Structure formats: structure tokens, C-alpha cells
């Protein structure tokens, strides 16, 4: 399959982090020491509802009018910029980092992550502390809901197939056959993400190359609370279960496909590649393909193509 980025959606209604307010949001305001340049970013960034994905994935033909598995997938960057005056957000798909900047870089601003909603947005954008006295800021850790696999390929791939049990069939004693079938049958796809390491990249490795592959396997495999790469494979499964879609793609490609885990596979159950060797693990996937492909998904014109 040759893809390495596992980018999951998130649904603010499911997260249940409360109403947006000045005490529960990413609060943008003029910097403590004003720059004098104008263009300061001001506003409360937060959402109580809505399904989003990293970058600015939208939906064609018109963003917000086509559903993904029955739910609208909204544009994260566009929706966020609309809530804060003079704010430009860019997403670097190679490094998997966000940059927050005042329009034209002419106004210093600060961001305070207030309440549970503010803390969630801080993690989604990839920051660790409040921001102040600059006109732009770039993620200081890998954003939440992103895993970069250790290698850029999958193994044991069972290409798109139709599941059994959807076709009714009967046969008479004389050999006449009868059947009924639905108009549409979903497509499944299975694979293994091999050779994931138990411990994720070090802070130094991430600082040198923020797009470095790997993630901690389990929550207990995190050395501390300040790692640059901190969201684990265990977190991935606990988040998506069989409810939340995720996108599998590679940096720089114009494609990628959305999947959801099948119910009997939506639990964290990695296996060692070699018995008794603790540093190479296989992550199993049994999924349903739930849409078409992405095109130019990280630009304001990008979107979901329903098929």
C-alpha cells in the first residue's frame, strides 16, 4: 500500500468538552508586549460539535454538503481561522506540524489554552505551553490524532474485497438456484503495519526531523509526559474504535483513503514480529472502506470525492 500517515478524525460532540467561552477555548489575544504592527489575532477558538481531520480536508463538490459515512467532515483550518481575526494557519504535511501566524506576520499575539477544550486544541495543534510575544508559532510536538508509521509500507495486505454473508442463496432438489442480494455490498480491506517499535522517537530525533516515523506502542511505554511524539498506538485504537474514521496516506501524495475499523477488530492487540523480541511489533487492521479518495486535501480547495 505504501502509505505511512495514520490521521484520525475527531468529533467534538463525542469528546464532550463543553461550550466555547473565554474560559474554555484556545484564547487568542494581543501579546503581553504589543508589537505595534497591528493585525493582532483575537478570538476564542473552540467547537462544541463537528467532525474534523488534520489539514484542511474538505468535501467536494461543496464543502459541508457531502457526508462521510453519514456525517459532514468539516474543514479544520478554514473553520478555525473563521473564529479568530487576522489568523493564518498552515499545516506542513511532511513534518506534520502546524504554524499559527498573524496575517502578514505584522502583529504579535498570545494564545492561552483555557479549560478542557483549550487543552484539547493545544494538543491537536501540537503545542505544550501557552504562547506569547511572537507573530508566529510552530508546533512543539507531534499533533494529537496523528501517527507516522515506522516504515512506509504495510504487509499481509488483503486488497479490497466484499464480505461474506450478504447474499441469500437457496437451491432446489433438482438443482435450480435462487438468490437475493442487496444493491450494494461494502468493501473491506485488511493489512498489518509491521515493525513498529515499542518506544517512540526521542525528542532529539523529532527536533531534527519532525516527520520521523514511529510512535510509542502503549501508554506505559511513554517515558514521561513531555515527549515530542507522545500519542500512542494504544491511544489510536481507544480513540477510533469502530466509530471514528481515519485516513491513511503518504506525505506529498494527492490521495489517501478513509477507513473505519470493523467491530471485531477495533481493540488494541499488537503482536511481536518475532517471539520474545520486544522491539518489533505488528499492528493489525481489519477495516471497511467508507469513501473515495482525497485530492489536494491540504489546500482550501481540497476535498473528499464521494464514489
C-alpha atoms as a PDB file:
ATOM      1  CA  UNK A   1       0.000   0.000   0.000  1.00  0.00           C
ATOM      2  CA  UNK A   2       2.985   2.288   0.512  1.00  0.00           C
ATOM      3  CA  UNK A   3       1.474   4.824   2.926  1.00  0.00           C
ATOM      4  CA  UNK A   4       2.672   5.874   6.350  1.00  0.00           C
ATOM      5  CA  UNK A   5       0.428   8.564   7.819  1.00  0.00           C
ATOM      6  CA  UNK A   6      -2.455   7.481  10.023  1.00  0.00           C
ATOM      7  CA  UNK A   7      -4.534  10.630  10.522  1.00  0.00           C
ATOM      8  CA  UNK A   8      -7.697  10.084  12.515  1.00  0.00           C
ATOM      9  CA  UNK A   9     -10.749  12.308  12.581  1.00  0.00           C
ATOM     10  CA  UNK A  10     -12.123  13.683  15.820  1.00  0.00           C
ATOM     11  CA  UNK A  11     -15.660  14.632  16.772  1.00  0.00           C
ATOM     12  CA  UNK A  12     -16.132  17.435  19.287  1.00  0.00           C
ATOM     13  CA  UNK A  13     -19.638  16.235  20.124  1.00  0.00           C
ATOM     14  CA  UNK A  14     -18.224  12.845  21.156  1.00  0.00           C
ATOM     15  CA  UNK A  15     -15.376  14.482  23.066  1.00  0.00           C
ATOM     16  CA  UNK A  16     -17.928  16.435  25.112  1.00  0.00           C
ATOM     17  CA  UNK A  17     -15.568  19.194  26.246  1.00  0.00           C
ATOM     18  CA  UNK A  18     -18.236  21.801  26.938  1.00  0.00           C
ATOM     19  CA  UNK A  19     -19.401  25.087  25.477  1.00  0.00           C
ATOM     20  CA  UNK A  20     -16.952  27.552  23.958  1.00  0.00           C
ATOM     21  CA  UNK A  21     -16.139  30.535  26.178  1.00  0.00           C
ATOM     22  CA  UNK A  22     -13.279  32.715  27.276  1.00  0.00           C
ATOM     23  CA  UNK A  23     -12.522  30.154  29.972  1.00  0.00           C
ATOM     24  CA  UNK A  24     -12.906  27.094  27.733  1.00  0.00           C
ATOM     25  CA  UNK A  25     -11.129  27.593  24.405  1.00  0.00           C
ATOM     26  CA  UNK A  26      -7.846  28.481  22.772  1.00  0.00           C
ATOM     27  CA  UNK A  27      -7.967  32.178  23.625  1.00  0.00           C
ATOM     28  CA  UNK A  28      -6.111  34.456  21.177  1.00  0.00           C
ATOM     29  CA  UNK A  29      -5.271  37.984  22.294  1.00  0.00           C
ATOM     30  CA  UNK A  30      -2.767  40.787  21.846  1.00  0.00           C
ATOM     31  CA  UNK A  31       0.696  39.856  23.078  1.00  0.00           C
ATOM     32  CA  UNK A  32       1.786  40.895  26.536  1.00  0.00           C
ATOM     33  CA  UNK A  33       4.303  43.223  24.887  1.00  0.00           C
ATOM     34  CA  UNK A  34       2.450  44.692  21.856  1.00  0.00           C
ATOM     35  CA  UNK A  35       4.404  44.767  18.617  1.00  0.00           C
ATOM     36  CA  UNK A  36       2.819  47.956  17.405  1.00  0.00           C
ATOM     37  CA  UNK A  37       2.393  46.436  13.962  1.00  0.00           C
ATOM     38  CA  UNK A  38      -1.349  45.839  14.110  1.00  0.00           C
ATOM     39  CA  UNK A  39      -3.066  42.754  12.768  1.00  0.00           C
ATOM     40  CA  UNK A  40      -3.253  41.108  16.169  1.00  0.00           C
ATOM     41  CA  UNK A  41      -5.093  37.785  16.318  1.00  0.00           C
ATOM     42  CA  UNK A  42      -8.107  37.942  18.632  1.00  0.00           C
ATOM     43  CA  UNK A  43     -10.823  35.386  19.315  1.00  0.00           C
ATOM     44  CA  UNK A  44     -11.850  32.172  21.059  1.00  0.00           C
ATOM     45  CA  UNK A  45     -11.010  29.052  19.061  1.00  0.00           C
ATOM     46  CA  UNK A  46     -13.183  26.122  20.055  1.00  0.00           C
ATOM     47  CA  UNK A  47     -16.025  23.862  18.942  1.00  0.00           C
ATOM     48  CA  UNK A  48     -18.767  22.017  20.773  1.00  0.00           C
ATOM     49  CA  UNK A  49     -19.736  19.902  17.748  1.00  0.00           C
ATOM     50  CA  UNK A  50     -18.333  18.893  14.382  1.00  0.00           C
ATOM     51  CA  UNK A  51     -16.226  16.154  12.770  1.00  0.00           C
ATOM     52  CA  UNK A  52     -12.767  17.324  11.656  1.00  0.00           C
ATOM     53  CA  UNK A  53      -9.489  15.949  10.303  1.00  0.00           C
ATOM     54  CA  UNK A  54      -5.966  17.337  10.173  1.00  0.00           C
ATOM     55  CA  UNK A  55      -5.003  19.822   7.499  1.00  0.00           C
ATOM     56  CA  UNK A  56      -7.890  21.354   5.641  1.00  0.00           C
ATOM     57  CA  UNK A  57      -9.649  18.296   4.297  1.00  0.00           C
ATOM     58  CA  UNK A  58     -12.915  19.395   2.764  1.00  0.00           C
ATOM     59  CA  UNK A  59     -15.638  17.818   0.701  1.00  0.00           C
ATOM     60  CA  UNK A  60     -16.432  18.242  -2.956  1.00  0.00           C
ATOM     61  CA  UNK A  61     -18.382  19.486  -4.746  1.00  0.00           C
ATOM     62  CA  UNK A  62     -19.179  21.941  -1.970  1.00  0.00           C
ATOM     63  CA  UNK A  63     -17.524  21.742   1.467  1.00  0.00           C
ATOM     64  CA  UNK A  64     -20.069  20.934   4.141  1.00  0.00           C
ATOM     65  CA  UNK A  65     -22.686  19.460   1.812  1.00  0.00           C
ATOM     66  CA  UNK A  66     -21.430  15.896   1.340  1.00  0.00           C
ATOM     67  CA  UNK A  67     -21.365  13.420   4.200  1.00  0.00           C
ATOM     68  CA  UNK A  68     -18.655  10.981   5.173  1.00  0.00           C
ATOM     69  CA  UNK A  69     -20.292   7.822   6.454  1.00  0.00           C
ATOM     70  CA  UNK A  70     -23.385   9.865   7.288  1.00  0.00           C
ATOM     71  CA  UNK A  71     -21.606  12.788   8.931  1.00  0.00           C
ATOM     72  CA  UNK A  72     -20.240  16.010   7.470  1.00  0.00           C
ATOM     73  CA  UNK A  73     -16.444  16.215   7.541  1.00  0.00           C
ATOM     74  CA  UNK A  74     -15.698  19.885   8.127  1.00  0.00           C
ATOM     75  CA  UNK A  75     -12.575  21.826   7.166  1.00  0.00           C
ATOM     76  CA  UNK A  76     -10.399  22.228  10.237  1.00  0.00           C
ATOM     77  CA  UNK A  77      -8.194  25.121   9.138  1.00  0.00           C
ATOM     78  CA  UNK A  78     -10.953  27.126   7.472  1.00  0.00           C
ATOM     79  CA  UNK A  79     -13.292  26.700  10.442  1.00  0.00           C
ATOM     80  CA  UNK A  80     -10.567  27.650  12.922  1.00  0.00           C
ATOM     81  CA  UNK A  81      -9.421  30.745  11.015  1.00  0.00           C
ATOM     82  CA  UNK A  82     -13.022  31.957  10.874  1.00  0.00           C
ATOM     83  CA  UNK A  83     -13.135  32.201  14.675  1.00  0.00           C
ATOM     84  CA  UNK A  84     -10.004  34.338  15.135  1.00  0.00           C
ATOM     85  CA  UNK A  85      -9.411  37.634  13.382  1.00  0.00           C
ATOM     86  CA  UNK A  86      -6.170  38.024  11.409  1.00  0.00           C
ATOM     87  CA  UNK A  87      -5.162  34.368  11.921  1.00  0.00           C
ATOM     88  CA  UNK A  88      -3.428  32.276   9.255  1.00  0.00           C
ATOM     89  CA  UNK A  89      -2.964  28.539   9.895  1.00  0.00           C
ATOM     90  CA  UNK A  90      -0.803  26.313   7.736  1.00  0.00           C
ATOM     91  CA  UNK A  91      -0.173  22.579   8.020  1.00  0.00           C
ATOM     92  CA  UNK A  92       3.128  21.044   6.918  1.00  0.00           C
ATOM     93  CA  UNK A  93       2.298  17.525   5.745  1.00  0.00           C
ATOM     94  CA  UNK A  94       5.960  16.486   5.599  1.00  0.00           C
ATOM     95  CA  UNK A  95       6.705  17.489   9.184  1.00  0.00           C
ATOM     96  CA  UNK A  96       3.160  17.044  10.492  1.00  0.00           C
ATOM     97  CA  UNK A  97       3.294  20.434  12.190  1.00  0.00           C
ATOM     98  CA  UNK A  98       1.060  23.494  12.320  1.00  0.00           C
ATOM     99  CA  UNK A  99       2.119  27.125  12.100  1.00  0.00           C
ATOM    100  CA  UNK A 100      -0.100  29.818  13.607  1.00  0.00           C
ATOM    101  CA  UNK A 101       0.646  33.300  12.305  1.00  0.00           C
ATOM    102  CA  UNK A 102      -0.885  36.748  12.298  1.00  0.00           C
ATOM    103  CA  UNK A 103      -1.939  37.917   8.851  1.00  0.00           C
ATOM    104  CA  UNK A 104       1.180  39.127   7.083  1.00  0.00           C
ATOM    105  CA  UNK A 105       3.204  38.457  10.232  1.00  0.00           C
ATOM    106  CA  UNK A 106       2.687  42.036  11.371  1.00  0.00           C
ATOM    107  CA  UNK A 107       1.076  41.555  14.777  1.00  0.00           C
ATOM    108  CA  UNK A 108       2.366  39.742  17.855  1.00  0.00           C
ATOM    109  CA  UNK A 109      -0.227  37.714  19.709  1.00  0.00           C
ATOM    110  CA  UNK A 110      -0.580  35.244  22.535  1.00  0.00           C
ATOM    111  CA  UNK A 111      -2.573  32.047  22.956  1.00  0.00           C
ATOM    112  CA  UNK A 112      -3.819  30.753  26.294  1.00  0.00           C
ATOM    113  CA  UNK A 113      -5.211  27.211  26.365  1.00  0.00           C
ATOM    114  CA  UNK A 114      -8.176  27.574  28.683  1.00  0.00           C
ATOM    115  CA  UNK A 115     -10.174  24.675  30.155  1.00  0.00           C
ATOM    116  CA  UNK A 116     -10.649  21.174  28.771  1.00  0.00           C
ATOM    117  CA  UNK A 117     -11.469  22.471  25.286  1.00  0.00           C
ATOM    118  CA  UNK A 118      -8.389  24.683  25.180  1.00  0.00           C
ATOM    119  CA  UNK A 119      -6.174  21.793  26.269  1.00  0.00           C
ATOM    120  CA  UNK A 120      -7.623  19.589  23.514  1.00  0.00           C
ATOM    121  CA  UNK A 121      -6.998  22.200  20.823  1.00  0.00           C
ATOM    122  CA  UNK A 122      -3.480  22.739  22.173  1.00  0.00           C
ATOM    123  CA  UNK A 123      -2.787  19.026  21.695  1.00  0.00           C
ATOM    124  CA  UNK A 124      -4.461  18.898  18.257  1.00  0.00           C
ATOM    125  CA  UNK A 125      -2.270  21.781  17.058  1.00  0.00           C
ATOM    126  CA  UNK A 126       0.854  20.296  18.659  1.00  0.00           C
ATOM    127  CA  UNK A 127       1.805  22.673  21.455  1.00  0.00           C
ATOM    128  CA  UNK A 128       2.865  22.111  25.050  1.00  0.00           C
ATOM    129  CA  UNK A 129       2.542  25.511  26.729  1.00  0.00           C
ATOM    130  CA  UNK A 130       0.913  28.918  26.391  1.00  0.00           C
ATOM    131  CA  UNK A 131       2.258  31.150  23.598  1.00  0.00           C
ATOM    132  CA  UNK A 132       3.206  34.814  23.840  1.00  0.00           C
ATOM    133  CA  UNK A 133       5.123  37.696  22.221  1.00  0.00           C
ATOM    134  CA  UNK A 134       5.582  36.428  18.653  1.00  0.00           C
ATOM    135  CA  UNK A 135       3.817  36.830  15.318  1.00  0.00           C
ATOM    136  CA  UNK A 136       4.021  33.110  14.508  1.00  0.00           C
ATOM    137  CA  UNK A 137       4.371  29.798  16.309  1.00  0.00           C
ATOM    138  CA  UNK A 138       5.104  26.280  15.019  1.00  0.00           C
ATOM    139  CA  UNK A 139       4.135  23.036  16.733  1.00  0.00           C
ATOM    140  CA  UNK A 140       6.490  21.964  19.502  1.00  0.00           C
ATOM    141  CA  UNK A 141       5.306  18.347  19.495  1.00  0.00           C
ATOM    142  CA  UNK A 142       3.509  15.993  17.131  1.00  0.00           C
ATOM    143  CA  UNK A 143      -0.181  16.912  16.924  1.00  0.00           C
ATOM    144  CA  UNK A 144      -2.688  14.623  18.564  1.00  0.00           C
ATOM    145  CA  UNK A 145      -4.534  12.135  16.325  1.00  0.00           C
ATOM    146  CA  UNK A 146      -1.533  11.607  14.024  1.00  0.00           C
ATOM    147  CA  UNK A 147       0.691   8.550  13.868  1.00  0.00           C
ATOM    148  CA  UNK A 148       3.593   8.309  11.428  1.00  0.00           C
ATOM    149  CA  UNK A 149       4.377   4.636  10.968  1.00  0.00           C
ATOM    150  CA  UNK A 150       7.932   3.430  11.434  1.00  0.00           C
ATOM    151  CA  UNK A 151       8.129   2.168   7.854  1.00  0.00           C
ATOM    152  CA  UNK A 152       6.250   3.436   4.824  1.00  0.00           C
ATOM    153  CA  UNK A 153       4.628   0.186   3.788  1.00  0.00           C
ATOM    154  CA  UNK A 154       2.141  -2.387   5.008  1.00  0.00           C
ATOM    155  CA  UNK A 155       2.313  -6.182   4.904  1.00  0.00           C
ATOM    156  CA  UNK A 156      -0.231  -9.020   4.694  1.00  0.00           C
ATOM    157  CA  UNK A 157      -2.414  -6.713   2.606  1.00  0.00           C
ATOM    158  CA  UNK A 158      -5.734  -8.183   1.588  1.00  0.00           C
ATOM    159  CA  UNK A 159      -6.881  -5.831  -1.130  1.00  0.00           C
ATOM    160  CA  UNK A 160     -10.426  -4.530  -1.367  1.00  0.00           C
ATOM    161  CA  UNK A 161     -12.935  -7.363  -1.079  1.00  0.00           C
ATOM    162  CA  UNK A 162     -16.608  -7.911  -0.373  1.00  0.00           C
ATOM    163  CA  UNK A 163     -17.534  -9.585   2.914  1.00  0.00           C
ATOM    164  CA  UNK A 164     -19.392 -12.873   3.045  1.00  0.00           C
ATOM    165  CA  UNK A 165     -22.913 -13.347   4.350  1.00  0.00           C
ATOM    166  CA  UNK A 166     -24.599 -10.638   2.285  1.00  0.00           C
ATOM    167  CA  UNK A 167     -26.019 -12.888  -0.479  1.00  0.00           C
ATOM    168  CA  UNK A 168     -29.028 -15.084   0.236  1.00  0.00           C
ATOM    169  CA  UNK A 169     -28.979 -18.370  -1.702  1.00  0.00           C
ATOM    170  CA  UNK A 170     -31.270 -21.380  -1.955  1.00  0.00           C
ATOM    171  CA  UNK A 171     -31.189 -24.453  -4.167  1.00  0.00           C
ATOM    172  CA  UNK A 172     -33.943 -26.936  -5.041  1.00  0.00           C
ATOM    173  CA  UNK A 173     -33.541 -30.701  -5.104  1.00  0.00           C
ATOM    174  CA  UNK A 174     -33.377 -30.560  -8.883  1.00  0.00           C
ATOM    175  CA  UNK A 175     -30.550 -28.026  -8.872  1.00  0.00           C
ATOM    176  CA  UNK A 176     -32.475 -24.841  -9.582  1.00  0.00           C
ATOM    177  CA  UNK A 177     -30.939 -21.989  -7.655  1.00  0.00           C
ATOM    178  CA  UNK A 178     -32.423 -18.798  -6.264  1.00  0.00           C
ATOM    179  CA  UNK A 179     -30.774 -15.855  -4.572  1.00  0.00           C
ATOM    180  CA  UNK A 180     -31.376 -12.389  -3.240  1.00  0.00           C
ATOM    181  CA  UNK A 181     -28.743  -9.737  -2.746  1.00  0.00           C
ATOM    182  CA  UNK A 182     -28.504  -6.078  -1.687  1.00  0.00           C
ATOM    183  CA  UNK A 183     -27.991  -3.417  -4.322  1.00  0.00           C
ATOM    184  CA  UNK A 184     -24.642  -2.531  -2.775  1.00  0.00           C
ATOM    185  CA  UNK A 185     -22.094  -4.509  -0.761  1.00  0.00           C
ATOM    186  CA  UNK A 186     -19.355  -2.683   1.177  1.00  0.00           C
ATOM    187  CA  UNK A 187     -15.656  -3.137   0.507  1.00  0.00           C
ATOM    188  CA  UNK A 188     -13.344  -4.346   3.255  1.00  0.00           C
ATOM    189  CA  UNK A 189      -9.553  -4.121   3.353  1.00  0.00           C
ATOM    190  CA  UNK A 190      -7.101  -5.743   5.764  1.00  0.00           C
ATOM    191  CA  UNK A 191      -3.398  -5.252   6.448  1.00  0.00           C
ATOM    192  CA  UNK A 192      -0.671  -5.290   9.080  1.00  0.00           C
ATOM    193  CA  UNK A 193       1.515  -2.325   9.979  1.00  0.00           C
ATOM    194  CA  UNK A 194       4.791  -4.143  10.706  1.00  0.00           C
ATOM    195  CA  UNK A 195       7.949  -3.342  12.635  1.00  0.00           C
ATOM    196  CA  UNK A 196       6.589  -0.706  14.953  1.00  0.00           C
ATOM    197  CA  UNK A 197       8.980  -0.115  17.844  1.00  0.00           C
ATOM    198  CA  UNK A 198       7.905  -0.246  21.466  1.00  0.00           C
ATOM    199  CA  UNK A 199       9.364   3.169  22.316  1.00  0.00           C
ATOM    200  CA  UNK A 200       8.724   6.127  20.024  1.00  0.00           C
ATOM    201  CA  UNK A 201      11.290   8.586  18.624  1.00  0.00           C
ATOM    202  CA  UNK A 202      13.297  10.634  21.087  1.00  0.00           C
ATOM    203  CA  UNK A 203      12.794  14.366  21.459  1.00  0.00           C
ATOM    204  CA  UNK A 204      16.134  14.883  19.703  1.00  0.00           C
ATOM    205  CA  UNK A 205      15.052  12.723  16.753  1.00  0.00           C
ATOM    206  CA  UNK A 206      11.791  14.657  16.426  1.00  0.00           C
ATOM    207  CA  UNK A 207      13.554  18.028  16.672  1.00  0.00           C
ATOM    208  CA  UNK A 208      15.946  17.005  13.898  1.00  0.00           C
ATOM    209  CA  UNK A 209      13.124  15.728  11.660  1.00  0.00           C
ATOM    210  CA  UNK A 210       9.537  16.287  12.902  1.00  0.00           C
ATOM    211  CA  UNK A 211       8.249  13.819  10.299  1.00  0.00           C
ATOM    212  CA  UNK A 212      10.302  10.982  11.798  1.00  0.00           C
ATOM    213  CA  UNK A 213       8.473   7.660  11.857  1.00  0.00           C
ATOM    214  CA  UNK A 214       7.370   5.770  14.909  1.00  0.00           C
ATOM    215  CA  UNK A 215       5.178   6.181  17.965  1.00  0.00           C
ATOM    216  CA  UNK A 216       5.108   4.657  21.440  1.00  0.00           C
ATOM    217  CA  UNK A 217       3.281   1.334  21.402  1.00  0.00           C
ATOM    218  CA  UNK A 218       1.486   1.582  24.748  1.00  0.00           C
ATOM    219  CA  UNK A 219       0.742   4.383  27.143  1.00  0.00           C
ATOM    220  CA  UNK A 220       3.050   2.778  29.669  1.00  0.00           C
ATOM    221  CA  UNK A 221       5.826   2.879  27.063  1.00  0.00           C
ATOM    222  CA  UNK A 222       5.927   6.655  27.240  1.00  0.00           C
ATOM    223  CA  UNK A 223       8.985   7.625  29.229  1.00  0.00           C
ATOM    224  CA  UNK A 224       7.402  10.766  30.643  1.00  0.00           C
ATOM    225  CA  UNK A 225       4.823  13.399  29.876  1.00  0.00           C
ATOM    226  CA  UNK A 226       6.869  15.769  27.713  1.00  0.00           C
ATOM    227  CA  UNK A 227       7.776  13.634  24.687  1.00  0.00           C
ATOM    228  CA  UNK A 228       7.538  15.313  21.330  1.00  0.00           C
ATOM    229  CA  UNK A 229       5.982  12.129  19.929  1.00  0.00           C
ATOM    230  CA  UNK A 230       3.503  11.179  22.608  1.00  0.00           C
ATOM    231  CA  UNK A 231       0.250   9.837  21.104  1.00  0.00           C
ATOM    232  CA  UNK A 232       0.458   6.041  21.180  1.00  0.00           C
ATOM    233  CA  UNK A 233      -0.896   3.157  19.111  1.00  0.00           C
ATOM    234  CA  UNK A 234      -2.947   2.251  22.161  1.00  0.00           C
ATOM    235  CA  UNK A 235      -4.415   5.769  22.088  1.00  0.00           C
ATOM    236  CA  UNK A 236      -5.198   5.322  18.383  1.00  0.00           C
ATOM    237  CA  UNK A 237      -7.349   2.236  18.983  1.00  0.00           C
ATOM    238  CA  UNK A 238      -9.058   3.688  22.037  1.00  0.00           C
ATOM    239  CA  UNK A 239      -9.960   6.751  20.010  1.00  0.00           C
ATOM    240  CA  UNK A 240     -11.183   5.280  16.723  1.00  0.00           C
ATOM    241  CA  UNK A 241     -12.796   2.015  17.949  1.00  0.00           C
ATOM    242  CA  UNK A 242     -15.367   1.226  15.224  1.00  0.00           C
ATOM    243  CA  UNK A 243     -16.817   4.760  15.225  1.00  0.00           C
ATOM    244  CA  UNK A 244     -14.213   7.319  14.162  1.00  0.00           C
ATOM    245  CA  UNK A 245     -12.846   7.351  10.580  1.00  0.00           C
ATOM    246  CA  UNK A 246      -9.145   7.570   9.873  1.00  0.00           C
ATOM    247  CA  UNK A 247      -7.196   8.468   6.755  1.00  0.00           C
ATOM    248  CA  UNK A 248      -4.174   6.503   5.509  1.00  0.00           C
ATOM    249  CA  UNK A 249      -1.903   8.365   3.094  1.00  0.00           C
ATOM    250  CA  UNK A 250       1.677   9.454   2.440  1.00  0.00           C
ATOM    251  CA  UNK A 251       3.273  12.908   2.596  1.00  0.00           C
ATOM    252  CA  UNK A 252       3.046  14.702  -0.718  1.00  0.00           C
ATOM    253  CA  UNK A 253       0.519  12.416  -2.360  1.00  0.00           C
ATOM    254  CA  UNK A 254      -2.817  13.685  -3.554  1.00  0.00           C
ATOM    255  CA  UNK A 255      -4.699  10.621  -2.443  1.00  0.00           C
ATOM    256  CA  UNK A 256      -5.433   8.542   0.579  1.00  0.00           C
ATOM    257  CA  UNK A 257      -8.455   6.594   1.664  1.00  0.00           C
ATOM    258  CA  UNK A 258     -10.781   6.817   4.644  1.00  0.00           C
ATOM    259  CA  UNK A 259     -11.408   3.699   6.703  1.00  0.00           C
ATOM    260  CA  UNK A 260     -13.199   2.627   9.850  1.00  0.00           C
ATOM    261  CA  UNK A 261     -12.207  -0.349  11.938  1.00  0.00           C
ATOM    262  CA  UNK A 262     -14.510  -3.354  11.887  1.00  0.00           C
ATOM    263  CA  UNK A 263     -16.204  -4.063  15.189  1.00  0.00           C
ATOM    264  CA  UNK A 264     -14.337  -7.284  15.960  1.00  0.00           C
ATOM    265  CA  UNK A 265     -11.003  -5.612  15.192  1.00  0.00           C
ATOM    266  CA  UNK A 266     -11.471  -2.291  16.979  1.00  0.00           C
ATOM    267  CA  UNK A 267      -9.352  -3.169  20.004  1.00  0.00           C
ATOM    268  CA  UNK A 268      -5.661  -2.796  20.754  1.00  0.00           C
ATOM    269  CA  UNK A 269      -3.967  -6.163  20.207  1.00  0.00           C
ATOM    270  CA  UNK A 270      -0.412  -5.880  18.785  1.00  0.00           C
ATOM    271  CA  UNK A 271       1.807  -8.944  18.350  1.00  0.00           C
ATOM    272  CA  UNK A 272       5.572  -9.369  18.360  1.00  0.00           C
ATOM    273  CA  UNK A 273       7.139  -9.817  14.927  1.00  0.00           C
ATOM    274  CA  UNK A 274       9.480 -12.368  16.475  1.00  0.00           C
ATOM    275  CA  UNK A 275       8.572 -14.260  19.653  1.00  0.00           C
ATOM    276  CA  UNK A 276      10.303 -12.865  22.738  1.00  0.00           C
ATOM    277  CA  UNK A 277      11.822  -9.900  20.881  1.00  0.00           C
ATOM    278  CA  UNK A 278      10.236  -6.824  22.421  1.00  0.00           C
ATOM    279  CA  UNK A 279      11.117  -4.063  19.987  1.00  0.00           C
ATOM    280  CA  UNK A 280       9.361  -5.082  16.747  1.00  0.00           C
ATOM    281  CA  UNK A 281       5.589  -5.217  16.744  1.00  0.00           C
ATOM    282  CA  UNK A 282       2.834  -5.776  14.195  1.00  0.00           C
ATOM    283  CA  UNK A 283      -0.335  -3.678  14.345  1.00  0.00           C
ATOM    284  CA  UNK A 284      -3.355  -5.432  12.767  1.00  0.00           C
ATOM    285  CA  UNK A 285      -6.032  -3.668  10.731  1.00  0.00           C
ATOM    286  CA  UNK A 286      -9.381  -5.016   9.571  1.00  0.00           C
ATOM    287  CA  UNK A 287     -11.350  -2.186   8.056  1.00  0.00           C
ATOM    288  CA  UNK A 288     -14.229  -1.054   5.910  1.00  0.00           C
ATOM    289  CA  UNK A 289     -13.534   1.450   3.142  1.00  0.00           C
ATOM    290  CA  UNK A 290     -16.004   4.255   3.691  1.00  0.00           C
ATOM    291  CA  UNK A 291     -15.447   6.609   0.796  1.00  0.00           C
ATOM    292  CA  UNK A 292     -13.408   7.554  -2.207  1.00  0.00           C
ATOM    293  CA  UNK A 293     -10.095   9.350  -2.405  1.00  0.00           C
ATOM    294  CA  UNK A 294      -8.728  12.716  -1.362  1.00  0.00           C
ATOM    295  CA  UNK A 295      -7.454  15.235  -3.870  1.00  0.00           C
ATOM    296  CA  UNK A 296      -5.190  18.106  -2.850  1.00  0.00           C
ATOM    297  CA  UNK A 297      -6.581  17.625   0.615  1.00  0.00           C
ATOM    298  CA  UNK A 298      -4.326  20.091   2.420  1.00  0.00           C
ATOM    299  CA  UNK A 299      -5.378  23.192   0.489  1.00  0.00           C
ATOM    300  CA  UNK A 300      -8.512  25.246   0.819  1.00  0.00           C
ATOM    301  CA  UNK A 301      -9.709  23.778  -2.465  1.00  0.00           C
ATOM    302  CA  UNK A 302      -9.059  20.179  -1.485  1.00  0.00           C
ATOM    303  CA  UNK A 303     -11.812  17.785  -0.720  1.00  0.00           C
ATOM    304  CA  UNK A 304     -13.453  14.459  -0.414  1.00  0.00           C
ATOM    305  CA  UNK A 305     -14.602  12.796  -3.593  1.00  0.00           C
ATOM    306  CA  UNK A 306     -17.601  10.578  -2.995  1.00  0.00           C
ATOM    307  CA  UNK A 307     -17.693   7.367  -5.028  1.00  0.00           C
END
